[in-house]
Every structure is written in C-alpha cells, then in structure tokens.
Amino acid sequence: MAFYSVLAVTPTSEGWIPDYIGPANRLVAQYGGKYLARTASHSQLEGEESGAALRIVIEWPSREAAEGFMKDANYAPHLAARTEGSNSFHFLTEGKDDLA
C-alpha cells in the first residue's frame, strides 16, 4: 500500500538547501519514493493560516520505505540541516480511505 509524506517547510536560512537537494533526491529514489509536488505555488483553502513557504508531497511504496529513508544514516546530516534551517512539519499518510 502506498504512503505519502506531506511536508510544510519554511526555510529560516538558505545555506543548507544547495547541499540538501542532491542527496535527498538520490535517497528518496533509493527507497522507491517519488516526488509528486515540491513547490512554492500553493494556496490555503481552509483553516488557520499556516504560511509554509514550500509544500512537498512524496509517494512511497510502503511505510517501511518512508521510515527507512528518514532513518538512513546518509540522510541524517541533511535532515539535521533541514530541521535546523527551517520550520518543518512532516506527516506520513497511508493511502487508503477509512471513510469509504
């Protein structure tokens, strides 16, 4: 079953970004992930304004793939740089409809 990482990221500094993109791209692909969206072009239609600069959606083949990516030792320094250099919120959502 597919899982989706849904992120809201607002950089507080931009120095980490150039060193982050390449390794993150490779590791996402290594774990079978696929970027569905990485964009600053978004609008909020409902709820309290959250103001995130970037919205990112990644499709994963499984929960294990998503968690493996997040726990990968090669990703650890990049994750640390992103979390230190941004306000980030990351949600992992199972691709199913519990209300059907």
PDB file of N, CA and C in Angstrom:
ATOM      1  N   MET A   1       0.842  -1.178   0.000  1.00  0.00           N
ATOM      2  CA  MET A   1       0.000   0.000   0.000  1.00  0.00           C
ATOM      3  C   MET A   1       0.886   1.241   0.000  1.00  0.00           C
ATOM      4  N   ALA A   2       0.500   2.228  -0.771  1.00  0.00           N
ATOM      5  CA  ALA A   2       1.255   3.475  -0.849  1.00  0.00           C
ATOM      6  C   ALA A   2       1.087   4.300   0.423  1.00  0.00           C
ATOM      7  N   PHE A   3       2.131   5.044   0.749  1.00  0.00           N
ATOM      8  CA  PHE A   3       2.122   6.030   1.818  1.00  0.00           C
ATOM      9  C   PHE A   3       2.599   7.343   1.220  1.00  0.00           C
ATOM     10  N   TYR A   4       2.186   8.442   1.838  1.00  0.00           N
ATOM     11  CA  TYR A   4       2.531   9.761   1.334  1.00  0.00           C
ATOM     12  C   TYR A   4       3.133  10.607   2.439  1.00  0.00           C
ATOM     13  N   SER A   5       4.302  11.159   2.168  1.00  0.00           N
ATOM     14  CA  SER A   5       4.877  12.177   3.035  1.00  0.00           C
ATOM     15  C   SER A   5       4.317  13.509   2.570  1.00  0.00           C
ATOM     16  N   VAL A   6       3.745  14.256   3.492  1.00  0.00           N
ATOM     17  CA  VAL A   6       3.214  15.581   3.205  1.00  0.00           C
ATOM     18  C   VAL A   6       3.952  16.541   4.128  1.00  0.00           C
ATOM     19  N   LEU A   7       4.719  17.453   3.524  1.00  0.00           N
ATOM     20  CA  LEU A   7       5.561  18.362   4.290  1.00  0.00           C
ATOM     21  C   LEU A   7       5.189  19.813   4.044  1.00  0.00           C
ATOM     22  N   ALA A   8       5.323  20.599   5.083  1.00  0.00           N
ATOM     23  CA  ALA A   8       5.237  22.053   5.011  1.00  0.00           C
ATOM     24  C   ALA A   8       6.576  22.559   5.528  1.00  0.00           C
ATOM     25  N   VAL A   9       7.318  23.269   4.683  1.00  0.00           N
ATOM     26  CA  VAL A   9       8.677  23.696   5.029  1.00  0.00           C
ATOM     27  C   VAL A   9       8.820  25.192   4.766  1.00  0.00           C
ATOM     28  N   THR A  10       9.268  25.908   5.778  1.00  0.00           N
ATOM     29  CA  THR A  10       9.588  27.325   5.635  1.00  0.00           C
ATOM     30  C   THR A  10      11.038  27.512   6.047  1.00  0.00           C
ATOM     31  N   PRO A  11      11.942  27.738   5.088  1.00  0.00           N
ATOM     32  CA  PRO A  11      13.350  27.946   5.441  1.00  0.00           C
ATOM     33  C   PRO A  11      13.523  29.190   6.308  1.00  0.00           C
ATOM     34  N   THR A  12      14.361  29.059   7.325  1.00  0.00           N
ATOM     35  CA  THR A  12      14.745  30.207   8.153  1.00  0.00           C
ATOM     36  C   THR A  12      16.133  30.683   7.763  1.00  0.00           C
ATOM     37  N   SER A  13      16.850  29.848   7.016  1.00  0.00           N
ATOM     38  CA  SER A  13      18.112  30.192   6.366  1.00  0.00           C
ATOM     39  C   SER A  13      18.171  29.349   5.101  1.00  0.00           C
ATOM     40  N   GLU A  14      18.978  29.760   4.146  1.00  0.00           N
ATOM     41  CA  GLU A  14      19.008  29.029   2.879  1.00  0.00           C
ATOM     42  C   GLU A  14      20.341  28.341   2.616  1.00  0.00           C
ATOM     43  N   GLY A  15      21.306  28.439   3.525  1.00  0.00           N
ATOM     44  CA  GLY A  15      22.611  27.846   3.314  1.00  0.00           C
ATOM     45  C   GLY A  15      22.600  26.333   3.180  1.00  0.00           C
ATOM     46  N   TRP A  16      21.674  25.668   3.796  1.00  0.00           N
ATOM     47  CA  TRP A  16      21.591  24.203   3.782  1.00  0.00           C
ATOM     48  C   TRP A  16      20.996  23.664   2.490  1.00  0.00           C
ATOM     49  N   ILE A  17      20.227  24.476   1.756  1.00  0.00           N
ATOM     50  CA  ILE A  17      19.438  23.987   0.624  1.00  0.00           C
ATOM     51  C   ILE A  17      20.300  23.407  -0.502  1.00  0.00           C
ATOM     52  N   PRO A  18      21.351  24.085  -0.989  1.00  0.00           N
ATOM     53  CA  PRO A  18      22.122  23.508  -2.104  1.00  0.00           C
ATOM     54  C   PRO A  18      22.731  22.139  -1.788  1.00  0.00           C
ATOM     55  N   ASP A  19      23.163  21.927  -0.548  1.00  0.00           N
ATOM     56  CA  ASP A  19      23.762  20.647  -0.158  1.00  0.00           C
ATOM     57  C   ASP A  19      22.709  19.584   0.162  1.00  0.00           C
ATOM     58  N   TYR A  20      21.465  19.980   0.273  1.00  0.00           N
ATOM     59  CA  TYR A  20      20.383  19.077   0.647  1.00  0.00           C
ATOM     60  C   TYR A  20      19.749  18.400  -0.564  1.00  0.00           C
ATOM     61  N   ILE A  21      19.499  19.161  -1.622  1.00  0.00           N
ATOM     62  CA  ILE A  21      18.678  18.695  -2.739  1.00  0.00           C
ATOM     63  C   ILE A  21      19.202  17.412  -3.386  1.00  0.00           C
ATOM     64  N   GLY A  22      20.459  17.385  -3.796  1.00  0.00           N
ATOM     65  CA  GLY A  22      21.010  16.214  -4.489  1.00  0.00           C
ATOM     66  C   GLY A  22      20.956  14.943  -3.664  1.00  0.00           C
ATOM     67  N   PRO A  23      21.510  14.954  -2.440  1.00  0.00           N
ATOM     68  CA  PRO A  23      21.443  13.740  -1.613  1.00  0.00           C
ATOM     69  C   PRO A  23      20.012  13.317  -1.284  1.00  0.00           C
ATOM     70  N   ALA A  24      19.130  14.269  -1.007  1.00  0.00           N
ATOM     71  CA  ALA A  24      17.736  13.907  -0.710  1.00  0.00           C
ATOM     72  C   ALA A  24      17.085  13.263  -1.930  1.00  0.00           C
ATOM     73  N   ASN A  25      17.315  13.828  -3.113  1.00  0.00           N
ATOM     74  CA  ASN A  25      16.755  13.244  -4.340  1.00  0.00           C
ATOM     75  C   ASN A  25      17.211  11.794  -4.508  1.00  0.00           C
ATOM     76  N   ARG A  26      18.501  11.559  -4.341  1.00  0.00           N
ATOM     77  CA  ARG A  26      19.038  10.199  -4.519  1.00  0.00           C
ATOM     78  C   ARG A  26      18.467   9.228  -3.489  1.00  0.00           C
ATOM     79  N   LEU A  27      18.372   9.657  -2.242  1.00  0.00           N
ATOM     80  CA  LEU A  27      17.868   8.763  -1.200  1.00  0.00           C
ATOM     81  C   LEU A  27      16.371   8.502  -1.343  1.00  0.00           C
ATOM     82  N   VAL A  28      15.605   9.506  -1.723  1.00  0.00           N
ATOM     83  CA  VAL A  28      14.180   9.280  -1.977  1.00  0.00           C
ATOM     84  C   VAL A  28      14.026   8.205  -3.052  1.00  0.00           C
ATOM     85  N   ALA A  29      14.769   8.342  -4.151  1.00  0.00           N
ATOM     86  CA  ALA A  29      14.702   7.350  -5.235  1.00  0.00           C
ATOM     87  C   ALA A  29      15.174   5.979  -4.767  1.00  0.00           C
ATOM     88  N   GLN A  30      16.231   5.940  -3.951  1.00  0.00           N
ATOM     89  CA  GLN A  30      16.768   4.670  -3.452  1.00  0.00           C
ATOM     90  C   GLN A  30      15.711   3.894  -2.669  1.00  0.00           C
ATOM     91  N   TYR A  31      14.843   4.609  -1.958  1.00  0.00           N
ATOM     92  CA  TYR A  31      13.802   3.967  -1.163  1.00  0.00           C
ATOM     93  C   TYR A  31      12.481   3.823  -1.927  1.00  0.00           C
ATOM     94  N   GLY A  32      12.527   4.058  -3.240  1.00  0.00           N
ATOM     95  CA  GLY A  32      11.334   3.872  -4.063  1.00  0.00           C
ATOM     96  C   GLY A  32      10.357   5.026  -4.013  1.00  0.00           C
ATOM     97  N   GLY A  33      10.785   6.145  -3.448  1.00  0.00           N
ATOM     98  CA  GLY A  33       9.907   7.307  -3.353  1.00  0.00           C
ATOM     99  C   GLY A  33       9.868   8.086  -4.648  1.00  0.00           C
ATOM    100  N   LYS A  34       8.787   8.834  -4.803  1.00  0.00           N
ATOM    101  CA  LYS A  34       8.606   9.672  -5.994  1.00  0.00           C
ATOM    102  C   LYS A  34       8.015  11.006  -5.544  1.00  0.00           C
ATOM    103  N   TYR A  35       8.691  12.100  -5.913  1.00  0.00           N
ATOM    104  CA  TYR A  35       8.150  13.423  -5.616  1.00  0.00           C
ATOM    105  C   TYR A  35       6.928  13.676  -6.493  1.00  0.00           C
ATOM    106  N   LEU A  36       5.799  13.978  -5.872  1.00  0.00           N
ATOM    107  CA  LEU A  36       4.595  14.345  -6.598  1.00  0.00           C
ATOM    108  C   LEU A  36       4.457  15.860  -6.676  1.00  0.00           C
ATOM    109  N   ALA A  37       4.990  16.554  -5.685  1.00  0.00           N
ATOM    110  CA  ALA A  37       4.971  18.017  -5.670  1.00  0.00           C
ATOM    111  C   ALA A  37       6.094  18.523  -4.784  1.00  0.00           C
ATOM    112  N   ARG A  38       6.787  19.556  -5.260  1.00  0.00           N
ATOM    113  CA  ARG A  38       7.763  20.336  -4.480  1.00  0.00           C
ATOM    114  C   ARG A  38       7.628  21.751  -5.001  1.00  0.00           C
ATOM    115  N   THR A  39       6.859  22.553  -4.283  1.00  0.00           N
ATOM    116  CA  THR A  39       6.510  23.838  -4.867  1.00  0.00           C
ATOM    117  C   THR A  39       6.235  24.925  -3.835  1.00  0.00           C
ATOM    118  N   ALA A  40       6.512  26.147  -4.264  1.00  0.00           N
ATOM    119  CA  ALA A  40       6.112  27.328  -3.509  1.00  0.00           C
ATOM    120  C   ALA A  40       4.782  27.854  -4.042  1.00  0.00           C
ATOM    121  N   SER A  41       4.277  27.235  -5.106  1.00  0.00           N
ATOM    122  CA  SER A  41       2.991  27.630  -5.714  1.00  0.00           C
ATOM    123  C   SER A  41       1.869  26.831  -5.070  1.00  0.00           C
ATOM    124  N   HIS A  42       1.310  27.379  -4.024  1.00  0.00           N
ATOM    125  CA  HIS A  42       0.205  26.719  -3.329  1.00  0.00           C
ATOM    126  C   HIS A  42      -0.635  27.781  -2.641  1.00  0.00           C
ATOM    127  N   SER A  43      -1.838  27.414  -2.312  1.00  0.00           N
ATOM    128  CA  SER A  43      -2.709  28.319  -1.571  1.00  0.00           C
ATOM    129  C   SER A  43      -3.484  27.509  -0.553  1.00  0.00           C
ATOM    130  N   GLN A  44      -3.808  28.151   0.538  1.00  0.00           N
ATOM    131  CA  GLN A  44      -4.554  27.501   1.604  1.00  0.00           C
ATOM    132  C   GLN A  44      -6.023  27.819   1.422  1.00  0.00           C
ATOM    133  N   LEU A  45      -6.845  26.788   1.393  1.00  0.00           N
ATOM    134  CA  LEU A  45      -8.270  26.965   1.156  1.00  0.00           C
ATOM    135  C   LEU A  45      -9.100  26.940   2.434  1.00  0.00           C
ATOM    136  N   GLU A  46      -8.529  26.439   3.515  1.00  0.00           N
ATOM    137  CA  GLU A  46      -9.323  26.263   4.723  1.00  0.00           C
ATOM    138  C   GLU A  46      -8.417  26.274   5.944  1.00  0.00           C
ATOM    139  N   GLY A  47      -8.973  26.664   7.094  1.00  0.00           N
ATOM    140  CA  GLY A  47      -8.276  26.575   8.370  1.00  0.00           C
ATOM    141  C   GLY A  47      -7.412  27.786   8.679  1.00  0.00           C
ATOM    142  N   GLU A  48      -6.818  27.730   9.865  1.00  0.00           N
ATOM    143  CA  GLU A  48      -5.939  28.801  10.324  1.00  0.00           C
ATOM    144  C   GLU A  48      -4.705  28.875   9.433  1.00  0.00           C
ATOM    145  N   GLU A  49      -4.339  30.068   9.056  1.00  0.00           N
ATOM    146  CA  GLU A  49      -3.204  30.275   8.149  1.00  0.00           C
ATOM    147  C   GLU A  49      -1.932  29.659   8.731  1.00  0.00           C
ATOM    148  N   SER A  50      -1.294  28.795   7.922  1.00  0.00           N
ATOM    149  CA  SER A  50      -0.056  28.163   8.377  1.00  0.00           C
ATOM    150  C   SER A  50       1.170  28.809   7.750  1.00  0.00           C
ATOM    151  N   GLY A  51       1.022  29.411   6.578  1.00  0.00           N
ATOM    152  CA  GLY A  51       2.086  30.203   5.997  1.00  0.00           C
ATOM    153  C   GLY A  51       3.343  29.478   5.553  1.00  0.00           C
ATOM    154  N   ALA A  52       3.303  28.193   5.289  1.00  0.00           N
ATOM    155  CA  ALA A  52       4.508  27.475   4.850  1.00  0.00           C
ATOM    156  C   ALA A  52       4.952  27.980   3.484  1.00  0.00           C
ATOM    157  N   ALA A  53       6.262  28.115   3.320  1.00  0.00           N
ATOM    158  CA  ALA A  53       6.813  28.580   2.047  1.00  0.00           C
ATOM    159  C   ALA A  53       6.741  27.495   0.980  1.00  0.00           C
ATOM    160  N   LEU A  54       7.000  26.245   1.364  1.00  0.00           N
ATOM    161  CA  LEU A  54       7.040  25.132   0.419  1.00  0.00           C
ATOM    162  C   LEU A  54       6.101  24.024   0.863  1.00  0.00           C
ATOM    163  N   ARG A  55       5.487  23.386  -0.114  1.00  0.00           N
ATOM    164  CA  ARG A  55       4.697  22.179   0.134  1.00  0.00           C
ATOM    165  C   ARG A  55       5.343  21.066  -0.673  1.00  0.00           C
ATOM    166  N   ILE A  56       5.551  19.940  -0.005  1.00  0.00           N
ATOM    167  CA  ILE A  56       6.215  18.800  -0.635  1.00  0.00           C
ATOM    168  C   ILE A  56       5.360  17.566  -0.395  1.00  0.00           C
ATOM    169  N   VAL A  57       5.143  16.780  -1.462  1.00  0.00           N
ATOM    170  CA  VAL A  57       4.414  15.522  -1.352  1.00  0.00           C
ATOM    171  C   VAL A  57       5.275  14.446  -2.010  1.00  0.00           C
ATOM    172  N   ILE A  58       5.553  13.385  -1.250  1.00  0.00           N
ATOM    173  CA  ILE A  58       6.339  12.257  -1.745  1.00  0.00           C
ATOM    174  C   ILE A  58       5.497  11.000  -1.616  1.00  0.00           C
ATOM    175  N   GLU A  59       5.422  10.235  -2.683  1.00  0.00           N
ATOM    176  CA  GLU A  59       4.732   8.941  -2.658  1.00  0.00           C
ATOM    177  C   GLU A  59       5.754   7.854  -2.380  1.00  0.00           C
ATOM    178  N   TRP A  60       5.451   6.978  -1.412  1.00  0.00           N
ATOM    179  CA  TRP A  60       6.318   5.860  -1.035  1.00  0.00           C
ATOM    180  C   TRP A  60       5.603   4.549  -1.320  1.00  0.00           C
ATOM    181  N   PRO A  61       6.343   3.491  -1.641  1.00  0.00           N
ATOM    182  CA  PRO A  61       5.698   2.197  -1.876  1.00  0.00           C
ATOM    183  C   PRO A  61       5.198   1.527  -0.597  1.00  0.00           C
ATOM    184  N   SER A  62       5.704   1.963   0.567  1.00  0.00           N
ATOM    185  CA  SER A  62       5.315   1.344   1.838  1.00  0.00           C
ATOM    186  C   SER A  62       5.731   2.254   2.994  1.00  0.00           C
ATOM    187  N   ARG A  63       5.174   1.968   4.171  1.00  0.00           N
ATOM    188  CA  ARG A  63       5.582   2.673   5.385  1.00  0.00           C
ATOM    189  C   ARG A  63       7.068   2.420   5.665  1.00  0.00           C
ATOM    190  N   GLU A  64       7.492   1.171   5.450  1.00  0.00           N
ATOM    191  CA  GLU A  64       8.881   0.806   5.713  1.00  0.00           C
ATOM    192  C   GLU A  64       9.842   1.620   4.850  1.00  0.00           C
ATOM    193  N   ALA A  65       9.468   1.881   3.602  1.00  0.00           N
ATOM    194  CA  ALA A  65      10.319   2.685   2.717  1.00  0.00           C
ATOM    195  C   ALA A  65      10.445   4.111   3.243  1.00  0.00           C
ATOM    196  N   ALA A  66       9.331   4.709   3.639  1.00  0.00           N
ATOM    197  CA  ALA A  66       9.351   6.084   4.161  1.00  0.00           C
ATOM    198  C   ALA A  66      10.170   6.164   5.445  1.00  0.00           C
ATOM    199  N   GLU A  67       9.944   5.212   6.341  1.00  0.00           N
ATOM    200  CA  GLU A  67      10.681   5.227   7.607  1.00  0.00           C
ATOM    201  C   GLU A  67      12.153   4.891   7.391  1.00  0.00           C
ATOM    202  N   GLY A  68      12.454   4.013   6.430  1.00  0.00           N
ATOM    203  CA  GLY A  68      13.840   3.706   6.108  1.00  0.00           C
ATOM    204  C   GLY A  68      14.580   4.929   5.617  1.00  0.00           C
ATOM    205  N   PHE A  69      13.938   5.701   4.754  1.00  0.00           N
ATOM    206  CA  PHE A  69      14.517   6.953   4.275  1.00  0.00           C
ATOM    207  C   PHE A  69      14.823   7.886   5.439  1.00  0.00           C
ATOM    208  N   MET A  70      13.849   8.081   6.312  1.00  0.00           N
ATOM    209  CA  MET A  70      14.029   9.016   7.430  1.00  0.00           C
ATOM    210  C   MET A  70      15.120   8.563   8.402  1.00  0.00           C
ATOM    211  N   LYS A  71      15.334   7.257   8.530  1.00  0.00           N
ATOM    212  CA  LYS A  71      16.319   6.719   9.473  1.00  0.00           C
ATOM    213  C   LYS A  71      17.668   6.429   8.839  1.00  0.00           C
ATOM    214  N   ASP A  72      17.799   6.636   7.526  1.00  0.00           N
ATOM    215  CA  ASP A  72      19.039   6.326   6.820  1.00  0.00           C
ATOM    216  C   ASP A  72      20.184   7.192   7.347  1.00  0.00           C
ATOM    217  N   ALA A  73      21.292   6.553   7.683  1.00  0.00           N
ATOM    218  CA  ALA A  73      22.455   7.276   8.221  1.00  0.00           C
ATOM    219  C   ALA A  73      22.982   8.309   7.235  1.00  0.00           C
ATOM    220  N   ASN A  74      22.825   8.055   5.939  1.00  0.00           N
ATOM    221  CA  ASN A  74      23.276   9.022   4.934  1.00  0.00           C
ATOM    222  C   ASN A  74      22.370  10.240   4.854  1.00  0.00           C
ATOM    223  N   TYR A  75      21.132  10.107   5.320  1.00  0.00           N
ATOM    224  CA  TYR A  75      20.205  11.231   5.331  1.00  0.00           C
ATOM    225  C   TYR A  75      20.329  12.052   6.611  1.00  0.00           C
ATOM    226  N   ALA A  76      20.811  11.456   7.679  1.00  0.00           N
ATOM    227  CA  ALA A  76      20.832  12.105   8.991  1.00  0.00           C
ATOM    228  C   ALA A  76      21.428  13.512   8.983  1.00  0.00           C
ATOM    229  N   PRO A  77      22.599  13.758   8.371  1.00  0.00           N
ATOM    230  CA  PRO A  77      23.135  15.119   8.408  1.00  0.00           C
ATOM    231  C   PRO A  77      22.292  16.109   7.603  1.00  0.00           C
ATOM    232  N   HIS A  78      21.639  15.631   6.562  1.00  0.00           N
ATOM    233  CA  HIS A  78      20.793  16.508   5.744  1.00  0.00           C
ATOM    234  C   HIS A  78      19.487  16.816   6.458  1.00  0.00           C
ATOM    235  N   LEU A  79      18.935  15.823   7.147  1.00  0.00           N
ATOM    236  CA  LEU A  79      17.747  16.047   7.962  1.00  0.00           C
ATOM    237  C   LEU A  79      18.051  17.056   9.059  1.00  0.00           C
ATOM    238  N   ALA A  80      19.197  16.902   9.709  1.00  0.00           N
ATOM    239  CA  ALA A  80      19.589  17.846  10.763  1.00  0.00           C
ATOM    240  C   ALA A  80      19.724  19.257  10.204  1.00  0.00           C
ATOM    241  N   ALA A  81      20.328  19.393   9.039  1.00  0.00           N
ATOM    242  CA  ALA A  81      20.484  20.711   8.424  1.00  0.00           C
ATOM    243  C   ALA A  81      19.125  21.314   8.079  1.00  0.00           C
ATOM    244  N   ARG A  82      18.213  20.485   7.545  1.00  0.00           N
ATOM    245  CA  ARG A  82      16.877  20.993   7.199  1.00  0.00           C
ATOM    246  C   ARG A  82      16.114  21.421   8.436  1.00  0.00           C
ATOM    247  N   THR A  83      16.145  20.608   9.474  1.00  0.00           N
ATOM    248  CA  THR A  83      15.374  20.956  10.671  1.00  0.00           C
ATOM    249  C   THR A  83      15.982  22.142  11.414  1.00  0.00           C
ATOM    250  N   GLU A  84      17.299  22.306  11.337  1.00  0.00           N
ATOM    251  CA  GLU A  84      17.941  23.475  11.955  1.00  0.00           C
ATOM    252  C   GLU A  84      17.726  24.737  11.129  1.00  0.00           C
ATOM    253  N   GLY A  85      17.586  24.582   9.805  1.00  0.00           N
ATOM    254  CA  GLY A  85      17.477  25.736   8.922  1.00  0.00           C
ATOM    255  C   GLY A  85      16.081  26.005   8.407  1.00  0.00           C
ATOM    256  N   SER A  86      15.076  25.426   9.066  1.00  0.00           N
ATOM    257  CA  SER A  86      13.700  25.651   8.610  1.00  0.00           C
ATOM    258  C   SER A  86      12.713  25.321   9.722  1.00  0.00           C
ATOM    259  N   ASN A  87      11.503  25.764   9.525  1.00  0.00           N
ATOM    260  CA  ASN A  87      10.372  25.275  10.303  1.00  0.00           C
ATOM    261  C   ASN A  87       9.721  24.222   9.417  1.00  0.00           C
ATOM    262  N   SER A  88       9.753  22.980   9.860  1.00  0.00           N
ATOM    263  CA  SER A  88       9.281  21.870   9.030  1.00  0.00           C
ATOM    264  C   SER A  88       8.256  21.027   9.777  1.00  0.00           C
ATOM    265  N   PHE A  89       7.248  20.607   9.040  1.00  0.00           N
ATOM    266  CA  PHE A  89       6.233  19.700   9.558  1.00  0.00           C
ATOM    267  C   PHE A  89       6.101  18.576   8.547  1.00  0.00           C
ATOM    268  N   HIS A  90       6.227  17.334   9.004  1.00  0.00           N
ATOM    269  CA  HIS A  90       6.230  16.171   8.119  1.00  0.00           C
ATOM    270  C   HIS A  90       5.185  15.194   8.630  1.00  0.00           C
ATOM    271  N   PHE A  91       4.236  14.882   7.771  1.00  0.00           N
ATOM    272  CA  PHE A  91       3.172  13.932   8.097  1.00  0.00           C
ATOM    273  C   PHE A  91       3.292  12.742   7.161  1.00  0.00           C
ATOM    274  N   LEU A  92       3.142  11.536   7.689  1.00  0.00           N
ATOM    275  CA  LEU A  92       3.114  10.329   6.868  1.00  0.00           C
ATOM    276  C   LEU A  92       1.674   9.832   6.845  1.00  0.00           C
ATOM    277  N   THR A  93       1.099   9.745   5.640  1.00  0.00           N
ATOM    278  CA  THR A  93      -0.306   9.422   5.469  1.00  0.00           C
ATOM    279  C   THR A  93      -0.441   8.126   4.671  1.00  0.00           C
ATOM    280  N   GLU A  94      -1.201   7.187   5.206  1.00  0.00           N
ATOM    281  CA  GLU A  94      -1.476   5.942   4.497  1.00  0.00           C
ATOM    282  C   GLU A  94      -2.441   6.204   3.356  1.00  0.00           C
ATOM    283  N   GLY A  95      -2.170   5.635   2.201  1.00  0.00           N
ATOM    284  CA  GLY A  95      -3.009   5.849   1.013  1.00  0.00           C
ATOM    285  C   GLY A  95      -4.233   4.960   1.015  1.00  0.00           C
ATOM    286  N   LYS A  96      -5.150   5.235   1.920  1.00  0.00           N
ATOM    287  CA  LYS A  96      -6.388   4.455   1.984  1.00  0.00           C
ATOM    288  C   LYS A  96      -7.530   5.368   2.408  1.00  0.00           C
ATOM    289  N   ASP A  97      -8.733   4.899   2.225  1.00  0.00           N
ATOM    290  CA  ASP A  97      -9.916   5.667   2.570  1.00  0.00           C
ATOM    291  C   ASP A  97     -10.657   4.966   3.699  1.00  0.00           C
ATOM    292  N   ASP A  98     -10.459   5.439   4.922  1.00  0.00           N
ATOM    293  CA  ASP A  98     -11.119   4.838   6.081  1.00  0.00           C
ATOM    294  C   ASP A  98     -12.606   5.180   6.140  1.00  0.00           C
ATOM    295  N   LEU A  99     -13.054   6.117   5.318  1.00  0.00           N
ATOM    296  CA  LEU A  99     -14.449   6.563   5.389  1.00  0.00           C
ATOM    297  C   LEU A  99     -15.306   6.007   4.255  1.00  0.00           C
ATOM    298  N   ALA A 100     -14.703   5.173   3.411  1.00  0.00           N
ATOM    299  CA  ALA A 100     -15.463   4.611   2.281  1.00  0.00           C
ATOM    300  C   ALA A 100     -16.440   3.562   2.751  1.00  0.00           C
TER     301      ALA A 100
END
